[in-house]
Amino acid sequence: MISHCISTHNNLPYLKLAIQSVKENSYYKDAPFIIHAENCNDGTDEWLKENGEKYDLEFYIDKNETPLGIGGGMNFCADKVKTKYINFLHSDFYVSKDWDLKLLEVHKKHGGKSWIFSQRIQPNIFNELSRPGTLIVPIDEFGGYYDGFDQEYFLEYAQALSESNDFEVSLGEGVSGLILKEDWDYIGGNDPLFAPASWDDKDIFLRCLLKDFKLVLTTSSVVWHFGARGSHRLEENEGKTSQRQIEAERKNSQKWLTKWNQFPTFNQNGMIKKDNMSILDSYKGEHK
């Protein structure tokens, strides 16, 4: 019924924890994994080869001169899906009890042409007061790294937080969540224009809105997001992560402007204001 898709690069400790949490905490414990590992040199390739059968992982090891990035990696995984639903995860997620069942229940309530997102909880590693679709907590609330993460405390917290509420939004928090495979194909996936990362999520969510999709955040399903902790801990990226993000934002914002002719406007909650982008009406059917 559901396939879990993960695109990863040099994030092995978090990837292992993510897979463990899905296997232990999901309602559908036999749901298949499809993993795209791109240009990894941290032992990910070897670990997948050694443990793929144990965890029932369908994995693909890519060595690309031009990286696909997360968006391209998710496109790659989605093309391999044979189940009715796709469930996208980041490699630094930790999921709560029955999170997958709750996503599925909400999707069935809203029907086709809907994309359902879990409520995220994330440590405040970027000095943010808030972020759309994400509850920001102090870094030491549950442990900011994989080797100090308090799994039991998080699961208790998630259970207490979980409520059967869902809200229609206009901007998901990163490309994750549950969607019908046929709907993903209809949207056209992530635009490779924005590879390897940045602005690709805004682009696909805007295309969803233009095709009258519902983007729904549910508080009944809760996930922990370490928030780029893997890249922060790699020696090769020490002190460079923020600068790379700034540069990617700059380059891809210009690509967005070239594609859409104007920047998106946002409301006070950080969501795209579709009604302020009337110029985009003429682009329906012209863009993926």
C-alpha atoms as a PDB file:
ATOM      1  CA  MET A   1       0.000   0.000   0.000  1.00  0.00           C
ATOM      2  CA  ILE A   2       2.770   2.462   0.996  1.00  0.00           C
ATOM      3  CA  SER A   3       6.406   2.782  -0.107  1.00  0.00           C
ATOM      4  CA  HIS A   4       8.835   4.834   1.988  1.00  0.00           C
ATOM      5  CA  CYS A   5      11.256   6.873  -0.157  1.00  0.00           C
ATOM      6  CA  ILE A   6      14.501   8.390   1.146  1.00  0.00           C
ATOM      7  CA  SER A   7      17.223  10.270  -0.710  1.00  0.00           C
ATOM      8  CA  THR A   8      20.478  10.515   1.255  1.00  0.00           C
ATOM      9  CA  HIS A   9      24.024  11.820   1.034  1.00  0.00           C
ATOM     10  CA  ASN A  10      26.655  11.156   3.735  1.00  0.00           C
ATOM     11  CA  ASN A  11      24.167  10.928   6.574  1.00  0.00           C
ATOM     12  CA  LEU A  12      24.622   7.330   7.738  1.00  0.00           C
ATOM     13  CA  PRO A  13      24.061   7.623  11.525  1.00  0.00           C
ATOM     14  CA  TYR A  14      20.792   9.486  10.953  1.00  0.00           C
ATOM     15  CA  LEU A  15      19.713   7.222   8.104  1.00  0.00           C
ATOM     16  CA  LYS A  16      20.127   4.178  10.356  1.00  0.00           C
ATOM     17  CA  LEU A  17      18.083   5.863  13.085  1.00  0.00           C
ATOM     18  CA  ALA A  18      15.376   6.870  10.600  1.00  0.00           C
ATOM     19  CA  ILE A  19      15.050   3.308   9.286  1.00  0.00           C
ATOM     20  CA  GLN A  20      15.007   1.931  12.830  1.00  0.00           C
ATOM     21  CA  SER A  21      12.218   4.302  13.835  1.00  0.00           C
ATOM     22  CA  VAL A  22      10.102   3.436  10.791  1.00  0.00           C
ATOM     23  CA  LYS A  23      10.525  -0.290  11.399  1.00  0.00           C
ATOM     24  CA  GLU A  24       9.721  -0.004  15.120  1.00  0.00           C
ATOM     25  CA  ASN A  25       7.038   2.691  15.177  1.00  0.00           C
ATOM     26  CA  SER A  26       5.071   2.305  11.955  1.00  0.00           C
ATOM     27  CA  TYR A  27       1.682   0.629  11.795  1.00  0.00           C
ATOM     28  CA  TYR A  28       2.534  -0.916   8.413  1.00  0.00           C
ATOM     29  CA  LYS A  29       5.821  -2.503   9.422  1.00  0.00           C
ATOM     30  CA  ASP A  30       6.266  -4.418   6.172  1.00  0.00           C
ATOM     31  CA  ALA A  31       6.004  -1.372   3.906  1.00  0.00           C
ATOM     32  CA  PRO A  32       8.938  -1.368   1.460  1.00  0.00           C
ATOM     33  CA  PHE A  33      11.795   1.136   1.478  1.00  0.00           C
ATOM     34  CA  ILE A  34      13.308   2.682  -1.635  1.00  0.00           C
ATOM     35  CA  ILE A  35      16.579   4.469  -0.889  1.00  0.00           C
ATOM     36  CA  HIS A  36      18.687   6.580  -3.224  1.00  0.00           C
ATOM     37  CA  ALA A  37      22.242   7.030  -1.913  1.00  0.00           C
ATOM     38  CA  GLU A  38      24.162   9.652  -3.877  1.00  0.00           C
ATOM     39  CA  ASN A  39      27.937  10.126  -3.844  1.00  0.00           C
ATOM     40  CA  CYS A  40      28.335   8.816  -0.291  1.00  0.00           C
ATOM     41  CA  ASN A  41      31.783   8.271   1.203  1.00  0.00           C
ATOM     42  CA  ASP A  42      30.850   7.848   4.860  1.00  0.00           C
ATOM     43  CA  GLY A  43      30.121   4.110   4.805  1.00  0.00           C
ATOM     44  CA  THR A  44      26.503   4.416   3.628  1.00  0.00           C
ATOM     45  CA  ASP A  45      27.069   2.301   0.505  1.00  0.00           C
ATOM     46  CA  GLU A  46      28.685  -0.508   2.486  1.00  0.00           C
ATOM     47  CA  TRP A  47      26.030  -0.418   5.200  1.00  0.00           C
ATOM     48  CA  LEU A  48      23.221  -0.666   2.648  1.00  0.00           C
ATOM     49  CA  LYS A  49      24.885  -3.639   0.977  1.00  0.00           C
ATOM     50  CA  GLU A  50      25.336  -5.383   4.336  1.00  0.00           C
ATOM     51  CA  ASN A  51      21.888  -4.590   5.756  1.00  0.00           C
ATOM     52  CA  GLY A  52      19.632  -4.208   2.733  1.00  0.00           C
ATOM     53  CA  GLU A  53      18.171  -7.697   3.018  1.00  0.00           C
ATOM     54  CA  LYS A  54      17.845  -7.501   6.806  1.00  0.00           C
ATOM     55  CA  TYR A  55      15.694  -4.355   6.630  1.00  0.00           C
ATOM     56  CA  ASP A  56      14.050  -5.185   3.279  1.00  0.00           C
ATOM     57  CA  LEU A  57      15.609  -2.164   1.584  1.00  0.00           C
ATOM     58  CA  GLU A  58      15.502  -1.559  -2.147  1.00  0.00           C
ATOM     59  CA  PHE A  59      18.504   0.703  -2.553  1.00  0.00           C
ATOM     60  CA  TYR A  60      20.352   2.379  -5.392  1.00  0.00           C
ATOM     61  CA  ILE A  61      23.918   3.660  -5.146  1.00  0.00           C
ATOM     62  CA  ASP A  62      24.636   6.551  -7.496  1.00  0.00           C
ATOM     63  CA  LYS A  63      27.969   8.163  -8.302  1.00  0.00           C
ATOM     64  CA  ASN A  64      26.975  11.280 -10.234  1.00  0.00           C
ATOM     65  CA  GLU A  65      29.300  13.984 -11.498  1.00  0.00           C
ATOM     66  CA  THR A  66      26.302  16.323 -11.433  1.00  0.00           C
ATOM     67  CA  PRO A  67      24.368  15.624  -8.217  1.00  0.00           C
ATOM     68  CA  LEU A  68      20.633  15.078  -8.406  1.00  0.00           C
ATOM     69  CA  GLY A  69      20.217  16.421  -4.878  1.00  0.00           C
ATOM     70  CA  ILE A  70      17.287  15.607  -2.593  1.00  0.00           C
ATOM     71  CA  GLY A  71      14.623  16.611  -5.105  1.00  0.00           C
ATOM     72  CA  GLY A  72      16.161  14.615  -7.939  1.00  0.00           C
ATOM     73  CA  GLY A  73      16.761  11.698  -5.604  1.00  0.00           C
ATOM     74  CA  MET A  74      13.106  11.688  -4.626  1.00  0.00           C
ATOM     75  CA  ASN A  75      12.117  11.738  -8.289  1.00  0.00           C
ATOM     76  CA  PHE A  76      14.409   8.744  -8.780  1.00  0.00           C
ATOM     77  CA  CYS A  77      12.794   6.847  -5.885  1.00  0.00           C
ATOM     78  CA  ALA A  78       9.256   7.734  -6.939  1.00  0.00           C
ATOM     79  CA  ASP A  79       9.868   6.286 -10.392  1.00  0.00           C
ATOM     80  CA  LYS A  80      10.565   2.922  -8.710  1.00  0.00           C
ATOM     81  CA  VAL A  81       7.389   2.886  -6.592  1.00  0.00           C
ATOM     82  CA  LYS A  82       4.877   0.133  -7.331  1.00  0.00           C
ATOM     83  CA  THR A  83       2.468   0.786  -4.450  1.00  0.00           C
ATOM     84  CA  LYS A  84      -0.588   3.036  -4.375  1.00  0.00           C
ATOM     85  CA  TYR A  85       0.974   5.599  -2.028  1.00  0.00           C
ATOM     86  CA  ILE A  86       4.387   7.255  -1.752  1.00  0.00           C
ATOM     87  CA  ASN A  87       5.625   8.389   1.645  1.00  0.00           C
ATOM     88  CA  PHE A  88       8.646  10.698   1.404  1.00  0.00           C
ATOM     89  CA  LEU A  89      11.007  10.957   4.370  1.00  0.00           C
ATOM     90  CA  HIS A  90      14.204  12.842   5.007  1.00  0.00           C
ATOM     91  CA  SER A  91      17.164  10.775   6.133  1.00  0.00           C
ATOM     92  CA  ASP A  92      17.287  12.677   9.438  1.00  0.00           C
ATOM     93  CA  PHE A  93      13.681  11.976  10.490  1.00  0.00           C
ATOM     94  CA  TYR A  94      12.625   9.987  13.536  1.00  0.00           C
ATOM     95  CA  VAL A  95       8.971   8.973  13.359  1.00  0.00           C
ATOM     96  CA  SER A  96       6.428   8.512  16.156  1.00  0.00           C
ATOM     97  CA  LYS A  97       3.987   5.697  16.885  1.00  0.00           C
ATOM     98  CA  ASP A  98       1.583   4.874  14.017  1.00  0.00           C
ATOM     99  CA  TRP A  99       2.571   8.029  12.143  1.00  0.00           C
ATOM    100  CA  ASP A 100       1.997   6.284   8.787  1.00  0.00           C
ATOM    101  CA  LEU A 101      -1.509   5.067   9.652  1.00  0.00           C
ATOM    102  CA  LYS A 102      -2.505   8.569  10.747  1.00  0.00           C
ATOM    103  CA  LEU A 103      -1.238  10.073   7.484  1.00  0.00           C
ATOM    104  CA  LEU A 104      -3.226   7.497   5.556  1.00  0.00           C
ATOM    105  CA  GLU A 105      -6.404   8.160   7.567  1.00  0.00           C
ATOM    106  CA  VAL A 106      -6.167  11.889   6.878  1.00  0.00           C
ATOM    107  CA  HIS A 107      -5.521  11.280   3.187  1.00  0.00           C
ATOM    108  CA  LYS A 108      -8.586   9.056   2.918  1.00  0.00           C
ATOM    109  CA  LYS A 109     -10.636  11.842   4.488  1.00  0.00           C
ATOM    110  CA  HIS A 110      -9.456  14.423   1.940  1.00  0.00           C
ATOM    111  CA  GLY A 111      -9.293  12.092  -1.056  1.00  0.00           C
ATOM    112  CA  GLY A 112      -7.289  12.408  -4.251  1.00  0.00           C
ATOM    113  CA  LYS A 113      -5.335  15.508  -5.210  1.00  0.00           C
ATOM    114  CA  SER A 114      -4.148  15.943  -1.638  1.00  0.00           C
ATOM    115  CA  TRP A 115      -0.709  15.739  -0.040  1.00  0.00           C
ATOM    116  CA  ILE A 116      -0.540  15.060   3.696  1.00  0.00           C
ATOM    117  CA  PHE A 117       2.311  16.233   5.953  1.00  0.00           C
ATOM    118  CA  SER A 118       3.217  15.231   9.500  1.00  0.00           C
ATOM    119  CA  GLN A 119       3.653  17.802  12.220  1.00  0.00           C
ATOM    120  CA  ARG A 120       7.409  18.304  12.538  1.00  0.00           C
ATOM    121  CA  ILE A 121       9.359  18.996  15.699  1.00  0.00           C
ATOM    122  CA  GLN A 122      12.851  20.378  15.175  1.00  0.00           C
ATOM    123  CA  PRO A 123      15.680  21.684  17.384  1.00  0.00           C
ATOM    124  CA  ASN A 124      16.432  25.378  17.116  1.00  0.00           C
ATOM    125  CA  ILE A 125      19.719  25.063  15.242  1.00  0.00           C
ATOM    126  CA  PHE A 126      19.134  28.003  12.889  1.00  0.00           C
ATOM    127  CA  ASN A 127      18.039  30.515  15.567  1.00  0.00           C
ATOM    128  CA  GLU A 128      14.476  30.564  14.245  1.00  0.00           C
ATOM    129  CA  LEU A 129      11.440  31.573  16.246  1.00  0.00           C
ATOM    130  CA  SER A 130       9.083  29.688  13.958  1.00  0.00           C
ATOM    131  CA  ARG A 131       8.873  27.828  10.660  1.00  0.00           C
ATOM    132  CA  PRO A 132       5.764  26.816   8.676  1.00  0.00           C
ATOM    133  CA  GLY A 133       4.594  23.336   9.675  1.00  0.00           C
ATOM    134  CA  THR A 134       7.315  22.932  12.307  1.00  0.00           C
ATOM    135  CA  LEU A 135       7.378  23.207  16.082  1.00  0.00           C
ATOM    136  CA  ILE A 136      10.768  24.654  17.091  1.00  0.00           C
ATOM    137  CA  VAL A 137      12.135  23.482  20.454  1.00  0.00           C
ATOM    138  CA  PRO A 138      15.410  24.121  22.345  1.00  0.00           C
ATOM    139  CA  ILE A 139      18.368  22.156  21.015  1.00  0.00           C
ATOM    140  CA  ASP A 140      18.734  20.120  24.197  1.00  0.00           C
ATOM    141  CA  GLU A 141      15.023  19.255  24.536  1.00  0.00           C
ATOM    142  CA  PHE A 142      15.449  15.722  23.157  1.00  0.00           C
ATOM    143  CA  GLY A 143      19.110  15.775  22.190  1.00  0.00           C
ATOM    144  CA  GLY A 144      20.255  17.516  19.048  1.00  0.00           C
ATOM    145  CA  TYR A 145      22.372  14.663  17.659  1.00  0.00           C
ATOM    146  CA  TYR A 146      21.705  11.018  16.873  1.00  0.00           C
ATOM    147  CA  ASP A 147      23.984   9.728  19.646  1.00  0.00           C
ATOM    148  CA  GLY A 148      22.208  11.689  22.371  1.00  0.00           C
ATOM    149  CA  PHE A 149      18.645  11.523  21.117  1.00  0.00           C
ATOM    150  CA  ASP A 150      16.108  10.541  23.799  1.00  0.00           C
ATOM    151  CA  GLN A 151      13.809   8.295  21.791  1.00  0.00           C
ATOM    152  CA  GLU A 152      11.540   7.329  24.674  1.00  0.00           C
ATOM    153  CA  TYR A 153      10.988  10.925  25.773  1.00  0.00           C
ATOM    154  CA  PHE A 154      10.238  12.012  22.205  1.00  0.00           C
ATOM    155  CA  LEU A 155       7.677   9.232  21.725  1.00  0.00           C
ATOM    156  CA  GLU A 156       5.938  10.241  24.959  1.00  0.00           C
ATOM    157  CA  TYR A 157       5.996  13.896  23.917  1.00  0.00           C
ATOM    158  CA  ALA A 158       4.662  13.084  20.450  1.00  0.00           C
ATOM    159  CA  GLN A 159       1.825  11.042  21.928  1.00  0.00           C
ATOM    160  CA  ALA A 160       0.840  13.915  24.219  1.00  0.00           C
ATOM    161  CA  LEU A 161       1.094  16.415  21.363  1.00  0.00           C
ATOM    162  CA  SER A 162      -0.821  14.311  18.859  1.00  0.00           C
ATOM    163  CA  GLU A 163      -4.313  15.611  18.136  1.00  0.00           C
ATOM    164  CA  SER A 164      -6.748  14.691  15.392  1.00  0.00           C
ATOM    165  CA  ASN A 165      -6.538  18.100  13.743  1.00  0.00           C
ATOM    166  CA  ASP A 166      -5.519  18.881  10.205  1.00  0.00           C
ATOM    167  CA  PHE A 167      -5.088  22.210   8.467  1.00  0.00           C
ATOM    168  CA  GLU A 168      -5.006  23.114   4.813  1.00  0.00           C
ATOM    169  CA  VAL A 169      -1.794  25.011   4.057  1.00  0.00           C
ATOM    170  CA  SER A 170      -0.140  26.523   0.997  1.00  0.00           C
ATOM    171  CA  LEU A 171       3.449  25.529   1.689  1.00  0.00           C
ATOM    172  CA  GLY A 172       4.692  22.182   2.935  1.00  0.00           C
ATOM    173  CA  GLU A 173       7.811  21.962   5.064  1.00  0.00           C
ATOM    174  CA  GLY A 174      10.270  20.320   2.711  1.00  0.00           C
ATOM    175  CA  VAL A 175       9.258  17.601   0.280  1.00  0.00           C
ATOM    176  CA  SER A 176       8.018  14.845   2.582  1.00  0.00           C
ATOM    177  CA  GLY A 177       4.673  13.305   3.481  1.00  0.00           C
ATOM    178  CA  LEU A 178       2.086  11.010   1.913  1.00  0.00           C
ATOM    179  CA  ILE A 179       0.725  11.322  -1.610  1.00  0.00           C
ATOM    180  CA  LEU A 180      -0.851   9.016  -4.184  1.00  0.00           C
ATOM    181  CA  LYS A 181       1.651   7.761  -6.739  1.00  0.00           C
ATOM    182  CA  GLU A 182      -0.699   8.799  -9.552  1.00  0.00           C
ATOM    183  CA  ASP A 183      -0.955  12.307  -8.072  1.00  0.00           C
ATOM    184  CA  TRP A 184       2.835  12.618  -7.830  1.00  0.00           C
ATOM    185  CA  ASP A 185       3.103  11.639 -11.476  1.00  0.00           C
ATOM    186  CA  TYR A 186       0.376  14.141 -12.389  1.00  0.00           C
ATOM    187  CA  ILE A 187       2.248  16.980 -10.646  1.00  0.00           C
ATOM    188  CA  GLY A 188       5.418  15.998 -12.466  1.00  0.00           C
ATOM    189  CA  GLY A 189       7.728  15.587  -9.484  1.00  0.00           C
ATOM    190  CA  ASN A 190      10.487  17.989  -8.492  1.00  0.00           C
ATOM    191  CA  ASP A 191      11.825  20.310 -11.173  1.00  0.00           C
ATOM    192  CA  PRO A 192      15.517  19.458 -11.862  1.00  0.00           C
ATOM    193  CA  LEU A 193      16.052  23.158 -12.575  1.00  0.00           C
ATOM    194  CA  PHE A 194      16.553  23.645  -8.820  1.00  0.00           C
ATOM    195  CA  ALA A 195      19.002  20.775  -8.251  1.00  0.00           C
ATOM    196  CA  PRO A 196      20.701  20.006  -6.005  1.00  0.00           C
ATOM    197  CA  ALA A 197      18.552  21.919  -3.477  1.00  0.00           C
ATOM    198  CA  SER A 198      16.710  25.112  -2.478  1.00  0.00           C
ATOM    199  CA  TRP A 199      13.474  26.575  -3.867  1.00  0.00           C
ATOM    200  CA  ASP A 200      12.522  23.182  -5.308  1.00  0.00           C
ATOM    201  CA  ASP A 201       9.961  22.675  -2.537  1.00  0.00           C
ATOM    202  CA  LYS A 202       8.368  26.100  -3.071  1.00  0.00           C
ATOM    203  CA  ASP A 203       8.162  25.336  -6.779  1.00  0.00           C
ATOM    204  CA  ILE A 204       6.428  21.979  -6.448  1.00  0.00           C
ATOM    205  CA  PHE A 205       4.002  23.225  -3.804  1.00  0.00           C
ATOM    206  CA  LEU A 206       3.049  26.172  -5.981  1.00  0.00           C
ATOM    207  CA  ARG A 207       2.434  23.813  -8.888  1.00  0.00           C
ATOM    208  CA  CYS A 208       0.216  21.761  -6.567  1.00  0.00           C
ATOM    209  CA  LEU A 209      -1.845  24.830  -5.735  1.00  0.00           C
ATOM    210  CA  LEU A 210      -2.163  25.767  -9.387  1.00  0.00           C
ATOM    211  CA  LYS A 211      -3.521  22.275 -10.063  1.00  0.00           C
ATOM    212  CA  ASP A 212      -5.993  22.596  -7.180  1.00  0.00           C
ATOM    213  CA  PHE A 213      -4.296  20.166  -4.826  1.00  0.00           C
ATOM    214  CA  LYS A 214      -4.859  20.291  -1.084  1.00  0.00           C
ATOM    215  CA  LEU A 215      -1.706  20.533   1.030  1.00  0.00           C
ATOM    216  CA  VAL A 216      -2.707  19.310   4.478  1.00  0.00           C
ATOM    217  CA  LEU A 217      -0.719  19.407   7.714  1.00  0.00           C
ATOM    218  CA  THR A 218      -1.971  17.000  10.363  1.00  0.00           C
ATOM    219  CA  THR A 219      -1.031  17.151  14.039  1.00  0.00           C
ATOM    220  CA  SER A 220      -2.132  13.544  14.493  1.00  0.00           C
ATOM    221  CA  SER A 221       1.120  12.343  12.871  1.00  0.00           C
ATOM    222  CA  VAL A 222       4.349  13.616  14.453  1.00  0.00           C
ATOM    223  CA  VAL A 223       7.977  13.332  13.311  1.00  0.00           C
ATOM    224  CA  TRP A 224      11.259  14.619  14.695  1.00  0.00           C
ATOM    225  CA  HIS A 225      13.560  16.367  12.224  1.00  0.00           C
ATOM    226  CA  PHE A 226      17.196  16.756  13.248  1.00  0.00           C
ATOM    227  CA  GLY A 227      17.433  19.605  10.750  1.00  0.00           C
ATOM    228  CA  ALA A 228      20.623  19.155   8.679  1.00  0.00           C
ATOM    229  CA  ARG A 229      22.468  17.802  11.709  1.00  0.00           C
ATOM    230  CA  GLY A 230      24.181  15.200   9.569  1.00  0.00           C
ATOM    231  CA  SER A 231      25.876  17.759   7.345  1.00  0.00           C
ATOM    232  CA  HIS A 232      26.825  19.912  10.321  1.00  0.00           C
ATOM    233  CA  ARG A 233      28.781  17.042  11.877  1.00  0.00           C
ATOM    234  CA  LEU A 234      30.796  16.112   8.819  1.00  0.00           C
ATOM    235  CA  GLU A 235      34.357  17.396   9.015  1.00  0.00           C
ATOM    236  CA  GLU A 236      34.308  18.255   5.312  1.00  0.00           C
ATOM    237  CA  ASN A 237      31.362  20.596   5.894  1.00  0.00           C
ATOM    238  CA  GLU A 238      32.534  22.179   9.146  1.00  0.00           C
ATOM    239  CA  GLY A 239      31.643  25.845   9.081  1.00  0.00           C
ATOM    240  CA  LYS A 240      30.498  25.667   5.455  1.00  0.00           C
ATOM    241  CA  THR A 241      26.879  24.556   5.710  1.00  0.00           C
ATOM    242  CA  SER A 242      25.354  27.984   6.219  1.00  0.00           C
ATOM    243  CA  GLN A 243      27.448  29.536   3.440  1.00  0.00           C
ATOM    244  CA  ARG A 244      26.442  26.769   1.023  1.00  0.00           C
ATOM    245  CA  GLN A 245      22.798  27.296   1.931  1.00  0.00           C
ATOM    246  CA  ILE A 246      23.056  31.033   1.361  1.00  0.00           C
ATOM    247  CA  GLU A 247      24.687  30.516  -2.031  1.00  0.00           C
ATOM    248  CA  ALA A 248      22.105  27.906  -3.084  1.00  0.00           C
ATOM    249  CA  GLU A 249      19.294  30.232  -2.008  1.00  0.00           C
ATOM    250  CA  ARG A 250      20.768  33.066  -4.064  1.00  0.00           C
ATOM    251  CA  LYS A 251      21.273  31.030  -7.234  1.00  0.00           C
ATOM    252  CA  ASN A 252      17.952  29.233  -7.126  1.00  0.00           C
ATOM    253  CA  SER A 253      15.952  32.331  -6.281  1.00  0.00           C
ATOM    254  CA  GLN A 254      17.155  33.722  -9.610  1.00  0.00           C
ATOM    255  CA  LYS A 255      16.159  30.481 -11.333  1.00  0.00           C
ATOM    256  CA  TRP A 256      12.714  30.840  -9.752  1.00  0.00           C
ATOM    257  CA  LEU A 257      12.448  34.391 -11.074  1.00  0.00           C
ATOM    258  CA  THR A 258      13.406  33.242 -14.565  1.00  0.00           C
ATOM    259  CA  LYS A 259      10.801  30.486 -14.476  1.00  0.00           C
ATOM    260  CA  TRP A 260       7.875  32.313 -12.862  1.00  0.00           C
ATOM    261  CA  ASN A 261       8.650  35.992 -13.643  1.00  0.00           C
ATOM    262  CA  GLN A 262       8.015  37.088 -10.058  1.00  0.00           C
ATOM    263  CA  PHE A 263       8.832  36.034  -6.528  1.00  0.00           C
ATOM    264  CA  PRO A 264       6.170  34.432  -4.338  1.00  0.00           C
ATOM    265  CA  THR A 265       4.581  36.489  -1.588  1.00  0.00           C
ATOM    266  CA  PHE A 266       3.907  34.999   1.831  1.00  0.00           C
ATOM    267  CA  ASN A 267       1.412  35.626   4.592  1.00  0.00           C
ATOM    268  CA  GLN A 268       2.276  36.146   8.260  1.00  0.00           C
ATOM    269  CA  ASN A 269       2.430  32.369   8.789  1.00  0.00           C
ATOM    270  CA  GLY A 270       5.034  31.919   6.072  1.00  0.00           C
ATOM    271  CA  MET A 271       2.602  30.413   3.555  1.00  0.00           C
ATOM    272  CA  ILE A 272       2.488  31.286  -0.145  1.00  0.00           C
ATOM    273  CA  LYS A 273      -0.315  33.742  -0.948  1.00  0.00           C
ATOM    274  CA  LYS A 274      -1.716  32.270  -4.120  1.00  0.00           C
ATOM    275  CA  ASP A 275      -4.176  35.125  -4.644  1.00  0.00           C
ATOM    276  CA  ASN A 276      -1.278  37.600  -4.884  1.00  0.00           C
ATOM    277  CA  MET A 277       0.274  35.730  -7.797  1.00  0.00           C
ATOM    278  CA  SER A 278      -2.358  36.258 -10.475  1.00  0.00           C
ATOM    279  CA  ILE A 279       0.348  36.369 -13.129  1.00  0.00           C
ATOM    280  CA  LEU A 280       0.824  32.645 -12.574  1.00  0.00           C
ATOM    281  CA  ASP A 281      -2.634  31.853 -13.897  1.00  0.00           C
ATOM    282  CA  SER A 282      -1.244  32.204 -17.404  1.00  0.00           C
ATOM    283  CA  TYR A 283       1.349  29.576 -16.587  1.00  0.00           C
ATOM    284  CA  LYS A 284      -1.113  26.775 -15.902  1.00  0.00           C
ATOM    285  CA  GLY A 285      -0.290  23.931 -18.206  1.00  0.00           C
ATOM    286  CA  GLU A 286       2.945  25.571 -19.374  1.00  0.00           C
ATOM    287  CA  HIS A 287       5.101  24.487 -16.440  1.00  0.00           C
ATOM    288  CA  LYS A 288       5.547  21.185 -14.715  1.00  0.00           C
END
